[in-house]
Full PDB file with SEQRES, HELIX, SHEET, SSBOND, CRYST1, ORIGX, SCALE, CONECT and MASTER records, all heavy atoms in Angstrom:
SEQRES   1 A   36  PHE ALA PRO LYS ARG ALA GLU LEU GLN GLN GLU LEU ILE          
SEQRES   2 A   36  LYS LEU TYR THR GLN PHE PHE THR GLU GLN GLU LEU LYS          
SEQRES   3 A   36  ASP ALA VAL ALA PHE TYR LYS THR PRO LEU                      
HELIX    1 AA1 LYS A    4  PHE A   19  1                                  16    
HELIX    2 AA2 GLU A   22  TYR A   32  1                                  11    
CRYST1    1.000    1.000    1.000  90.00  90.00  90.00 P 1           1          
ORIGX1      1.000000  0.000000  0.000000        0.00000                         
ORIGX2      0.000000  1.000000  0.000000        0.00000                         
ORIGX3      0.000000  0.000000  1.000000        0.00000                         
SCALE1      1.000000  0.000000  0.000000        0.00000                         
SCALE2      0.000000  1.000000  0.000000        0.00000                         
SCALE3      0.000000  0.000000  1.000000        0.00000                         
ATOM      1  N   PHE A   1     -15.995  -5.864  16.555  1.00  0.00           N  
ATOM      2  CA  PHE A   1     -14.715  -5.440  16.288  1.00  0.00           C  
ATOM      3  C   PHE A   1     -14.300  -5.607  14.807  1.00  0.00           C  
ATOM      4  O   PHE A   1     -13.169  -5.253  14.428  1.00  0.00           O  
ATOM      5  CB  PHE A   1     -13.638  -6.145  17.119  1.00  0.00           C  
ATOM      6  CG  PHE A   1     -13.711  -5.724  18.613  1.00  0.00           C  
ATOM      7  CD1 PHE A   1     -13.450  -6.604  19.621  1.00  0.00           C  
ATOM      8  CD2 PHE A   1     -13.901  -4.382  18.918  1.00  0.00           C  
ATOM      9  CE1 PHE A   1     -13.541  -6.244  20.962  1.00  0.00           C  
ATOM     10  CE2 PHE A   1     -13.936  -3.920  20.244  1.00  0.00           C  
ATOM     11  CZ  PHE A   1     -13.755  -4.825  21.196  1.00  0.00           C  
ATOM     12  N   ALA A   2     -15.185  -6.136  13.991  1.00  0.00           N  
ATOM     13  CA  ALA A   2     -14.909  -6.357  12.543  1.00  0.00           C  
ATOM     14  C   ALA A   2     -14.483  -5.004  11.902  1.00  0.00           C  
ATOM     15  O   ALA A   2     -13.539  -5.066  11.114  1.00  0.00           O  
ATOM     16  CB  ALA A   2     -16.065  -6.965  11.876  1.00  0.00           C  
ATOM     17  N   PRO A   3     -15.102  -3.920  12.214  1.00  0.00           N  
ATOM     18  CA  PRO A   3     -14.671  -2.596  11.664  1.00  0.00           C  
ATOM     19  C   PRO A   3     -13.232  -2.194  12.022  1.00  0.00           C  
ATOM     20  O   PRO A   3     -12.611  -1.417  11.276  1.00  0.00           O  
ATOM     21  CB  PRO A   3     -15.702  -1.585  12.193  1.00  0.00           C  
ATOM     22  CG  PRO A   3     -16.839  -2.396  12.517  1.00  0.00           C  
ATOM     23  CD  PRO A   3     -16.345  -3.720  12.951  1.00  0.00           C  
ATOM     24  N   LYS A   4     -12.624  -2.823  13.023  1.00  0.00           N  
ATOM     25  CA  LYS A   4     -11.254  -2.492  13.380  1.00  0.00           C  
ATOM     26  C   LYS A   4     -10.315  -2.940  12.276  1.00  0.00           C  
ATOM     27  O   LYS A   4      -9.211  -2.343  12.187  1.00  0.00           O  
ATOM     28  CB  LYS A   4     -10.908  -3.253  14.650  1.00  0.00           C  
ATOM     29  CG  LYS A   4     -11.590  -2.739  15.890  1.00  0.00           C  
ATOM     30  CD  LYS A   4     -10.868  -1.571  16.399  1.00  0.00           C  
ATOM     31  CE  LYS A   4     -11.448  -1.125  17.779  1.00  0.00           C  
ATOM     32  NZ  LYS A   4     -10.938   0.199  18.137  1.00  0.00           N  
ATOM     33  N   ARG A   5     -10.727  -3.888  11.413  1.00  0.00           N  
ATOM     34  CA  ARG A   5      -9.858  -4.351  10.380  1.00  0.00           C  
ATOM     35  C   ARG A   5      -9.531  -3.153   9.396  1.00  0.00           C  
ATOM     36  O   ARG A   5      -8.455  -2.955   8.986  1.00  0.00           O  
ATOM     37  CB  ARG A   5     -10.568  -5.452   9.554  1.00  0.00           C  
ATOM     38  CG  ARG A   5      -9.745  -5.975   8.420  1.00  0.00           C  
ATOM     39  CD  ARG A   5     -10.529  -7.115   7.696  1.00  0.00           C  
ATOM     40  NE  ARG A   5      -9.644  -7.764   6.637  1.00  0.00           N  
ATOM     41  CZ  ARG A   5      -9.636  -7.365   5.385  1.00  0.00           C  
ATOM     42  NH1 ARG A   5     -10.465  -6.448   4.979  1.00  0.00           N  
ATOM     43  NH2 ARG A   5      -8.905  -7.945   4.612  1.00  0.00           N  
ATOM     44  N   ALA A   6     -10.567  -2.326   9.175  1.00  0.00           N  
ATOM     45  CA  ALA A   6     -10.374  -1.157   8.230  1.00  0.00           C  
ATOM     46  C   ALA A   6      -9.422  -0.209   8.925  1.00  0.00           C  
ATOM     47  O   ALA A   6      -8.581   0.420   8.159  1.00  0.00           O  
ATOM     48  CB  ALA A   6     -11.740  -0.517   7.950  1.00  0.00           C  
ATOM     49  N   GLU A   7      -9.499  -0.053  10.114  1.00  0.00           N  
ATOM     50  CA  GLU A   7      -8.655   0.908  10.904  1.00  0.00           C  
ATOM     51  C   GLU A   7      -7.195   0.442  10.744  1.00  0.00           C  
ATOM     52  O   GLU A   7      -6.286   1.189  10.507  1.00  0.00           O  
ATOM     53  CB  GLU A   7      -9.042   0.843  12.368  1.00  0.00           C  
ATOM     54  CG  GLU A   7      -8.456   1.918  13.256  1.00  0.00           C  
ATOM     55  CD  GLU A   7      -8.992   1.750  14.658  1.00  0.00           C  
ATOM     56  OE1 GLU A   7     -10.230   1.867  14.930  1.00  0.00           O  
ATOM     57  OE2 GLU A   7      -8.130   1.437  15.578  1.00  0.00           O  
ATOM     58  N   LEU A   8      -6.990  -0.882  10.920  1.00  0.00           N  
ATOM     59  CA  LEU A   8      -5.633  -1.493  10.734  1.00  0.00           C  
ATOM     60  C   LEU A   8      -5.123  -1.320   9.321  1.00  0.00           C  
ATOM     61  O   LEU A   8      -3.959  -1.037   9.054  1.00  0.00           O  
ATOM     62  CB  LEU A   8      -5.607  -2.907  11.190  1.00  0.00           C  
ATOM     63  CG  LEU A   8      -4.316  -3.648  11.247  1.00  0.00           C  
ATOM     64  CD1 LEU A   8      -3.304  -2.882  12.135  1.00  0.00           C  
ATOM     65  CD2 LEU A   8      -4.488  -5.037  11.757  1.00  0.00           C  
ATOM     66  N   GLN A   9      -6.003  -1.502   8.365  1.00  0.00           N  
ATOM     67  CA  GLN A   9      -5.690  -1.312   6.919  1.00  0.00           C  
ATOM     68  C   GLN A   9      -5.252   0.118   6.657  1.00  0.00           C  
ATOM     69  O   GLN A   9      -4.203   0.234   6.008  1.00  0.00           O  
ATOM     70  CB  GLN A   9      -6.912  -1.564   6.060  1.00  0.00           C  
ATOM     71  CG  GLN A   9      -7.273  -3.095   5.944  1.00  0.00           C  
ATOM     72  CD  GLN A   9      -8.554  -3.194   5.128  1.00  0.00           C  
ATOM     73  OE1 GLN A   9      -9.314  -2.296   4.913  1.00  0.00           O  
ATOM     74  NE2 GLN A   9      -8.828  -4.492   4.745  1.00  0.00           N  
ATOM     75  N   GLN A  10      -5.924   1.057   7.172  1.00  0.00           N  
ATOM     76  CA  GLN A  10      -5.492   2.465   7.024  1.00  0.00           C  
ATOM     77  C   GLN A  10      -4.096   2.739   7.515  1.00  0.00           C  
ATOM     78  O   GLN A  10      -3.260   3.445   6.960  1.00  0.00           O  
ATOM     79  CB  GLN A  10      -6.477   3.426   7.672  1.00  0.00           C  
ATOM     80  CG  GLN A  10      -7.799   3.478   6.841  1.00  0.00           C  
ATOM     81  CD  GLN A  10      -7.605   3.906   5.443  1.00  0.00           C  
ATOM     82  OE1 GLN A  10      -7.869   3.129   4.591  1.00  0.00           O  
ATOM     83  NE2 GLN A  10      -7.109   5.077   5.169  1.00  0.00           N  
ATOM     84  N   GLU A  11      -3.787   2.105   8.726  1.00  0.00           N  
ATOM     85  CA  GLU A  11      -2.455   2.289   9.297  1.00  0.00           C  
ATOM     86  C   GLU A  11      -1.372   1.673   8.410  1.00  0.00           C  
ATOM     87  O   GLU A  11      -0.262   2.284   8.161  1.00  0.00           O  
ATOM     88  CB  GLU A  11      -2.383   1.630  10.691  1.00  0.00           C  
ATOM     89  CG  GLU A  11      -3.202   2.381  11.719  1.00  0.00           C  
ATOM     90  CD  GLU A  11      -2.862   3.846  11.864  1.00  0.00           C  
ATOM     91  OE1 GLU A  11      -1.654   4.177  11.948  1.00  0.00           O  
ATOM     92  OE2 GLU A  11      -3.793   4.652  12.016  1.00  0.00           O  
ATOM     93  N   LEU A  12      -1.711   0.569   7.835  1.00  0.00           N  
ATOM     94  CA  LEU A  12      -0.726  -0.105   6.909  1.00  0.00           C  
ATOM     95  C   LEU A  12      -0.508   0.742   5.597  1.00  0.00           C  
ATOM     96  O   LEU A  12       0.625   0.964   5.183  1.00  0.00           O  
ATOM     97  CB  LEU A  12      -1.205  -1.539   6.477  1.00  0.00           C  
ATOM     98  CG  LEU A  12      -0.297  -2.276   5.588  1.00  0.00           C  
ATOM     99  CD1 LEU A  12       1.131  -2.505   6.154  1.00  0.00           C  
ATOM    100  CD2 LEU A  12      -0.896  -3.564   5.107  1.00  0.00           C  
ATOM    101  N   ILE A  13      -1.585   1.241   5.105  1.00  0.00           N  
ATOM    102  CA  ILE A  13      -1.497   2.053   3.904  1.00  0.00           C  
ATOM    103  C   ILE A  13      -0.669   3.301   4.185  1.00  0.00           C  
ATOM    104  O   ILE A  13       0.182   3.735   3.385  1.00  0.00           O  
ATOM    105  CB  ILE A  13      -2.967   2.387   3.378  1.00  0.00           C  
ATOM    106  CG1 ILE A  13      -3.488   1.058   2.766  1.00  0.00           C  
ATOM    107  CG2 ILE A  13      -2.934   3.545   2.430  1.00  0.00           C  
ATOM    108  CD1 ILE A  13      -5.029   1.214   2.553  1.00  0.00           C  
ATOM    109  N   LYS A  14      -0.826   3.865   5.356  1.00  0.00           N  
ATOM    110  CA  LYS A  14      -0.018   5.102   5.702  1.00  0.00           C  
ATOM    111  C   LYS A  14       1.433   4.733   5.785  1.00  0.00           C  
ATOM    112  O   LYS A  14       2.249   5.504   5.407  1.00  0.00           O  
ATOM    113  CB  LYS A  14      -0.487   5.607   7.100  1.00  0.00           C  
ATOM    114  CG  LYS A  14      -1.718   6.346   7.105  1.00  0.00           C  
ATOM    115  CD  LYS A  14      -2.027   6.808   8.523  1.00  0.00           C  
ATOM    116  CE  LYS A  14      -3.352   7.381   8.674  1.00  0.00           C  
ATOM    117  NZ  LYS A  14      -3.749   7.713  10.092  1.00  0.00           N  
ATOM    118  N   LEU A  15       1.734   3.501   6.212  1.00  0.00           N  
ATOM    119  CA  LEU A  15       3.210   3.071   6.257  1.00  0.00           C  
ATOM    120  C   LEU A  15       3.780   3.057   4.836  1.00  0.00           C  
ATOM    121  O   LEU A  15       4.891   3.572   4.619  1.00  0.00           O  
ATOM    122  CB  LEU A  15       3.325   1.663   6.889  1.00  0.00           C  
ATOM    123  CG  LEU A  15       3.214   1.609   8.393  1.00  0.00           C  
ATOM    124  CD1 LEU A  15       3.270   0.104   8.894  1.00  0.00           C  
ATOM    125  CD2 LEU A  15       4.300   2.445   9.045  1.00  0.00           C  
ATOM    126  N   TYR A  16       3.031   2.602   3.882  1.00  0.00           N  
ATOM    127  CA  TYR A  16       3.585   2.583   2.572  1.00  0.00           C  
ATOM    128  C   TYR A  16       3.848   4.009   2.067  1.00  0.00           C  
ATOM    129  O   TYR A  16       4.876   4.236   1.500  1.00  0.00           O  
ATOM    130  CB  TYR A  16       2.484   1.883   1.518  1.00  0.00           C  
ATOM    131  CG  TYR A  16       2.510   0.436   1.520  1.00  0.00           C  
ATOM    132  CD1 TYR A  16       1.744  -0.286   2.406  1.00  0.00           C  
ATOM    133  CD2 TYR A  16       3.240  -0.290   0.574  1.00  0.00           C  
ATOM    134  CE1 TYR A  16       1.732  -1.715   2.391  1.00  0.00           C  
ATOM    135  CE2 TYR A  16       3.232  -1.666   0.495  1.00  0.00           C  
ATOM    136  CZ  TYR A  16       2.479  -2.327   1.380  1.00  0.00           C  
ATOM    137  OH  TYR A  16       2.507  -3.742   1.262  1.00  0.00           O  
ATOM    138  N   THR A  17       3.002   4.912   2.364  1.00  0.00           N  
ATOM    139  CA  THR A  17       3.142   6.293   1.927  1.00  0.00           C  
ATOM    140  C   THR A  17       4.285   6.983   2.629  1.00  0.00           C  
ATOM    141  O   THR A  17       4.807   7.958   2.127  1.00  0.00           O  
ATOM    142  CB  THR A  17       1.866   7.160   2.014  1.00  0.00           C  
ATOM    143  OG1 THR A  17       1.445   7.220   3.410  1.00  0.00           O  
ATOM    144  CG2 THR A  17       0.739   6.514   1.246  1.00  0.00           C  
ATOM    145  N   GLN A  18       4.572   6.486   3.834  1.00  0.00           N  
ATOM    146  CA  GLN A  18       5.710   7.071   4.533  1.00  0.00           C  
ATOM    147  C   GLN A  18       7.028   6.612   4.017  1.00  0.00           C  
ATOM    148  O   GLN A  18       8.042   7.384   4.151  1.00  0.00           O  
ATOM    149  CB  GLN A  18       5.534   6.714   6.054  1.00  0.00           C  
ATOM    150  CG  GLN A  18       4.446   7.454   6.763  1.00  0.00           C  
ATOM    151  CD  GLN A  18       4.223   6.928   8.144  1.00  0.00           C  
ATOM    152  OE1 GLN A  18       5.026   6.064   8.675  1.00  0.00           O  
ATOM    153  NE2 GLN A  18       3.274   7.469   8.878  1.00  0.00           N  
ATOM    154  N   PHE A  19       7.040   5.500   3.481  1.00  0.00           N  
ATOM    155  CA  PHE A  19       8.349   4.874   3.044  1.00  0.00           C  
ATOM    156  C   PHE A  19       8.637   4.953   1.538  1.00  0.00           C  
ATOM    157  O   PHE A  19       9.688   4.776   1.082  1.00  0.00           O  
ATOM    158  CB  PHE A  19       8.465   3.449   3.492  1.00  0.00           C  
ATOM    159  CG  PHE A  19       8.581   3.355   5.013  1.00  0.00           C  
ATOM    160  CD1 PHE A  19       7.557   2.923   5.786  1.00  0.00           C  
ATOM    161  CD2 PHE A  19       9.754   3.718   5.663  1.00  0.00           C  
ATOM    162  CE1 PHE A  19       7.626   2.810   7.152  1.00  0.00           C  
ATOM    163  CE2 PHE A  19       9.819   3.654   7.046  1.00  0.00           C  
ATOM    164  CZ  PHE A  19       8.804   3.139   7.758  1.00  0.00           C  
ATOM    165  N   PHE A  20       7.542   5.302   0.754  1.00  0.00           N  
ATOM    166  CA  PHE A  20       7.688   5.420  -0.737  1.00  0.00           C  
ATOM    167  C   PHE A  20       7.112   6.614  -1.224  1.00  0.00           C  
ATOM    168  O   PHE A  20       6.012   7.107  -0.698  1.00  0.00           O  
ATOM    169  CB  PHE A  20       7.013   4.187  -1.308  1.00  0.00           C  
ATOM    170  CG  PHE A  20       7.580   2.827  -1.063  1.00  0.00           C  
ATOM    171  CD1 PHE A  20       7.157   2.049  -0.089  1.00  0.00           C  
ATOM    172  CD2 PHE A  20       8.698   2.444  -1.778  1.00  0.00           C  
ATOM    173  CE1 PHE A  20       7.786   0.774   0.171  1.00  0.00           C  
ATOM    174  CE2 PHE A  20       9.318   1.207  -1.607  1.00  0.00           C  
ATOM    175  CZ  PHE A  20       8.859   0.398  -0.597  1.00  0.00           C  
ATOM    176  N   THR A  21       7.584   7.141  -2.263  1.00  0.00           N  
ATOM    177  CA  THR A  21       6.975   8.255  -3.015  1.00  0.00           C  
ATOM    178  C   THR A  21       5.803   7.744  -3.723  1.00  0.00           C  
ATOM    179  O   THR A  21       5.655   6.535  -3.954  1.00  0.00           O  
ATOM    180  CB  THR A  21       8.041   8.888  -3.998  1.00  0.00           C  
ATOM    181  OG1 THR A  21       8.263   8.066  -5.021  1.00  0.00           O  
ATOM    182  CG2 THR A  21       9.273   9.408  -3.223  1.00  0.00           C  
ATOM    183  N   GLU A  22       5.004   8.695  -4.249  1.00  0.00           N  
ATOM    184  CA  GLU A  22       3.850   8.297  -5.051  1.00  0.00           C  
ATOM    185  C   GLU A  22       4.315   7.546  -6.298  1.00  0.00           C  
ATOM    186  O   GLU A  22       3.749   6.503  -6.657  1.00  0.00           O  
ATOM    187  CB  GLU A  22       3.009   9.515  -5.421  1.00  0.00           C  
ATOM    188  CG  GLU A  22       1.787   9.156  -6.162  1.00  0.00           C  
ATOM    189  CD  GLU A  22       0.837  10.363  -6.363  1.00  0.00           C  
ATOM    190  OE1 GLU A  22       1.089  11.430  -5.700  1.00  0.00           O  
ATOM    191  OE2 GLU A  22       0.009  10.303  -7.312  1.00  0.00           O  
ATOM    192  N   GLN A  23       5.364   8.059  -6.894  1.00  0.00           N  
ATOM    193  CA  GLN A  23       5.838   7.447  -8.184  1.00  0.00           C  
ATOM    194  C   GLN A  23       6.365   5.952  -7.862  1.00  0.00           C  
ATOM    195  O   GLN A  23       6.229   5.077  -8.607  1.00  0.00           O  
ATOM    196  CB  GLN A  23       6.987   8.240  -8.832  1.00  0.00           C  
ATOM    197  CG  GLN A  23       7.394   7.770 -10.152  1.00  0.00           C  
ATOM    198  CD  GLN A  23       6.205   7.651 -11.187  1.00  0.00           C  
ATOM    199  OE1 GLN A  23       5.458   8.555 -11.343  1.00  0.00           O  
ATOM    200  NE2 GLN A  23       5.970   6.403 -11.670  1.00  0.00           N  
ATOM    201  N   GLU A  24       7.138   5.841  -6.743  1.00  0.00           N  
ATOM    202  CA  GLU A  24       7.613   4.572  -6.417  1.00  0.00           C  
ATOM    203  C   GLU A  24       6.515   3.580  -6.112  1.00  0.00           C  
ATOM    204  O   GLU A  24       6.547   2.373  -6.509  1.00  0.00           O  
ATOM    205  CB  GLU A  24       8.474   4.632  -5.124  1.00  0.00           C  
ATOM    206  CG  GLU A  24       9.890   5.310  -5.354  1.00  0.00           C  
ATOM    207  CD  GLU A  24      10.598   5.630  -4.081  1.00  0.00           C  
ATOM    208  OE1 GLU A  24       9.923   5.785  -3.006  1.00  0.00           O  
ATOM    209  OE2 GLU A  24      11.802   5.706  -4.202  1.00  0.00           O  
ATOM    210  N   LEU A  25       5.411   4.027  -5.495  1.00  0.00           N  
ATOM    211  CA  LEU A  25       4.270   3.149  -5.260  1.00  0.00           C  
ATOM    212  C   LEU A  25       3.631   2.800  -6.635  1.00  0.00           C  
ATOM    213  O   LEU A  25       3.290   1.585  -6.776  1.00  0.00           O  
ATOM    214  CB  LEU A  25       3.192   3.915  -4.403  1.00  0.00           C  
ATOM    215  CG  LEU A  25       3.591   4.010  -2.937  1.00  0.00           C  
ATOM    216  CD1 LEU A  25       2.715   5.053  -2.271  1.00  0.00           C  
ATOM    217  CD2 LEU A  25       3.647   2.663  -2.191  1.00  0.00           C  
ATOM    218  N   LYS A  26       3.506   3.733  -7.502  1.00  0.00           N  
ATOM    219  CA  LYS A  26       2.928   3.371  -8.834  1.00  0.00           C  
ATOM    220  C   LYS A  26       3.811   2.455  -9.594  1.00  0.00           C  
ATOM    221  O   LYS A  26       3.284   1.488 -10.264  1.00  0.00           O  
ATOM    222  CB  LYS A  26       2.751   4.690  -9.648  1.00  0.00           C  
ATOM    223  CG  LYS A  26       1.605   5.593  -9.219  1.00  0.00           C  
ATOM    224  CD  LYS A  26       1.520   6.838 -10.045  1.00  0.00           C  
ATOM    225  CE  LYS A  26       0.392   7.709  -9.509  1.00  0.00           C  
ATOM    226  NZ  LYS A  26       0.236   8.938 -10.235  1.00  0.00           N  
ATOM    227  N   ASP A  27       5.153   2.601  -9.536  1.00  0.00           N  
ATOM    228  CA  ASP A  27       6.096   1.657 -10.204  1.00  0.00           C  
ATOM    229  C   ASP A  27       5.934   0.271  -9.517  1.00  0.00           C  
ATOM    230  O   ASP A  27       5.999  -0.740 -10.264  1.00  0.00           O  
ATOM    231  CB  ASP A  27       7.515   2.134 -10.073  1.00  0.00           C  
ATOM    232  CG  ASP A  27       7.760   3.453 -10.786  1.00  0.00           C  
ATOM    233  OD1 ASP A  27       6.913   3.787 -11.770  1.00  0.00           O  
ATOM    234  OD2 ASP A  27       8.837   4.066 -10.607  1.00  0.00           O  
ATOM    235  N   ALA A  28       5.807   0.150  -8.299  1.00  0.00           N  
ATOM    236  CA  ALA A  28       5.730  -1.056  -7.553  1.00  0.00           C  
ATOM    237  C   ALA A  28       4.417  -1.810  -8.026  1.00  0.00           C  
ATOM    238  O   ALA A  28       4.413  -2.993  -8.260  1.00  0.00           O  
ATOM    239  CB  ALA A  28       5.775  -0.981  -6.027  1.00  0.00           C  
ATOM    240  N   VAL A  29       3.333  -1.051  -8.129  1.00  0.00           N  
ATOM    241  CA  VAL A  29       2.069  -1.595  -8.548  1.00  0.00           C  
ATOM    242  C   VAL A  29       2.202  -2.168  -9.998  1.00  0.00           C  
ATOM    243  O   VAL A  29       1.759  -3.267 -10.250  1.00  0.00           O  
ATOM    244  CB  VAL A  29       0.914  -0.557  -8.448  1.00  0.00           C  
ATOM    245  CG1 VAL A  29      -0.324  -0.966  -9.250  1.00  0.00           C  
ATOM    246  CG2 VAL A  29       0.531  -0.263  -7.003  1.00  0.00           C  
ATOM    247  N   ALA A  30       2.818  -1.382 -10.862  1.00  0.00           N  
ATOM    248  CA  ALA A  30       3.061  -1.826 -12.234  1.00  0.00           C  
ATOM    249  C   ALA A  30       3.865  -3.063 -12.258  1.00  0.00           C  
ATOM    250  O   ALA A  30       3.606  -3.983 -13.050  1.00  0.00           O  
ATOM    251  CB  ALA A  30       3.711  -0.647 -13.033  1.00  0.00           C  
ATOM    252  N   PHE A  31       4.909  -3.112 -11.459  1.00  0.00           N  
ATOM    253  CA  PHE A  31       5.770  -4.337 -11.447  1.00  0.00           C  
ATOM    254  C   PHE A  31       4.946  -5.544 -11.050  1.00  0.00           C  
ATOM    255  O   PHE A  31       5.115  -6.615 -11.656  1.00  0.00           O  
ATOM    256  CB  PHE A  31       6.958  -4.158 -10.469  1.00  0.00           C  
ATOM    257  CG  PHE A  31       7.702  -5.427 -10.207  1.00  0.00           C  
ATOM    258  CD1 PHE A  31       8.515  -5.996 -11.184  1.00  0.00           C  
ATOM    259  CD2 PHE A  31       7.466  -6.131  -8.980  1.00  0.00           C  
ATOM    260  CE1 PHE A  31       9.072  -7.173 -10.965  1.00  0.00           C  
ATOM    261  CE2 PHE A  31       8.128  -7.307  -8.800  1.00  0.00           C  
ATOM    262  CZ  PHE A  31       8.961  -7.918  -9.756  1.00  0.00           C  
ATOM    263  N   TYR A  32       4.142  -5.393  -9.970  1.00  0.00           N  
ATOM    264  CA  TYR A  32       3.458  -6.633  -9.465  1.00  0.00           C  
ATOM    265  C   TYR A  32       2.329  -7.043 -10.400  1.00  0.00           C  
ATOM    266  O   TYR A  32       1.775  -8.172 -10.215  1.00  0.00           O  
ATOM    267  CB  TYR A  32       2.938  -6.361  -8.056  1.00  0.00           C  
ATOM    268  CG  TYR A  32       4.047  -6.515  -6.990  1.00  0.00           C  
ATOM    269  CD1 TYR A  32       4.380  -5.452  -6.280  1.00  0.00           C  
ATOM    270  CD2 TYR A  32       4.559  -7.737  -6.807  1.00  0.00           C  
ATOM    271  CE1 TYR A  32       5.427  -5.546  -5.375  1.00  0.00           C  
ATOM    272  CE2 TYR A  32       5.568  -7.907  -5.856  1.00  0.00           C  
ATOM    273  CZ  TYR A  32       6.029  -6.822  -5.136  1.00  0.00           C  
ATOM    274  OH  TYR A  32       6.997  -6.930  -4.234  1.00  0.00           O  
ATOM    275  N   LYS A  33       2.004  -6.233 -11.405  1.00  0.00           N  
ATOM    276  CA  LYS A  33       1.080  -6.597 -12.487  1.00  0.00           C  
ATOM    277  C   LYS A  33       1.724  -7.323 -13.646  1.00  0.00           C  
ATOM    278  O   LYS A  33       1.076  -7.834 -14.527  1.00  0.00           O  
ATOM    279  CB  LYS A  33       0.369  -5.378 -12.935  1.00  0.00           C  
ATOM    280  CG  LYS A  33      -0.692  -4.848 -11.888  1.00  0.00           C  
ATOM    281  CD  LYS A  33      -1.430  -3.665 -12.380  1.00  0.00           C  
ATOM    282  CE  LYS A  33      -2.445  -3.258 -11.307  1.00  0.00           C  
ATOM    283  NZ  LYS A  33      -3.254  -2.021 -11.873  1.00  0.00           N  
ATOM    284  N   THR A  34       3.108  -7.360 -13.690  1.00  0.00           N  
ATOM    285  CA  THR A  34       3.852  -8.008 -14.738  1.00  0.00           C  
ATOM    286  C   THR A  34       3.873  -9.530 -14.364  1.00  0.00           C  
ATOM    287  O   THR A  34       3.640  -9.968 -13.211  1.00  0.00           O  
ATOM    288  CB  THR A  34       5.313  -7.542 -14.838  1.00  0.00           C  
ATOM    289  OG1 THR A  34       6.002  -7.908 -13.602  1.00  0.00           O  
ATOM    290  CG2 THR A  34       5.405  -6.014 -15.048  1.00  0.00           C  
ATOM    291  N   PRO A  35       4.147 -10.331 -15.435  1.00  0.00           N  
ATOM    292  CA  PRO A  35       4.233 -11.796 -15.124  1.00  0.00           C  
ATOM    293  C   PRO A  35       5.315 -12.123 -14.015  1.00  0.00           C  
ATOM    294  O   PRO A  35       5.085 -12.983 -13.148  1.00  0.00           O  
ATOM    295  CB  PRO A  35       4.793 -12.421 -16.460  1.00  0.00           C  
ATOM    296  CG  PRO A  35       4.174 -11.410 -17.510  1.00  0.00           C  
ATOM    297  CD  PRO A  35       4.342 -10.072 -16.877  1.00  0.00           C  
ATOM    298  N   LEU A  36       6.432 -11.498 -13.963  1.00  0.00           N  
ATOM    299  CA  LEU A  36       7.438 -11.725 -12.912  1.00  0.00           C  
ATOM    300  C   LEU A  36       6.890 -11.276 -11.613  1.00  0.00           C  
ATOM    301  O   LEU A  36       7.048 -11.992 -10.562  1.00  0.00           O  
ATOM    302  CB  LEU A  36       8.710 -11.037 -13.248  1.00  0.00           C  
ATOM    303  CG  LEU A  36       9.801 -11.195 -12.178  1.00  0.00           C  
ATOM    304  CD1 LEU A  36      10.160 -12.631 -11.916  1.00  0.00           C  
ATOM    305  CD2 LEU A  36      11.050 -10.425 -12.564  1.00  0.00           C  
TER     306      LEU A  36                                                      
MASTER        0    0    0    2    0    0    0    6  305    1    0    3          
END                                                                             
């Protein structure tokens, strides 16, 4: 069942794309790379 982890990951990633635009996701990534 170890490969099931990747299946669950894909579902989580889909959730992010359902709730955020591509630009919002890019902005969030940029924020989390800052010191704060």
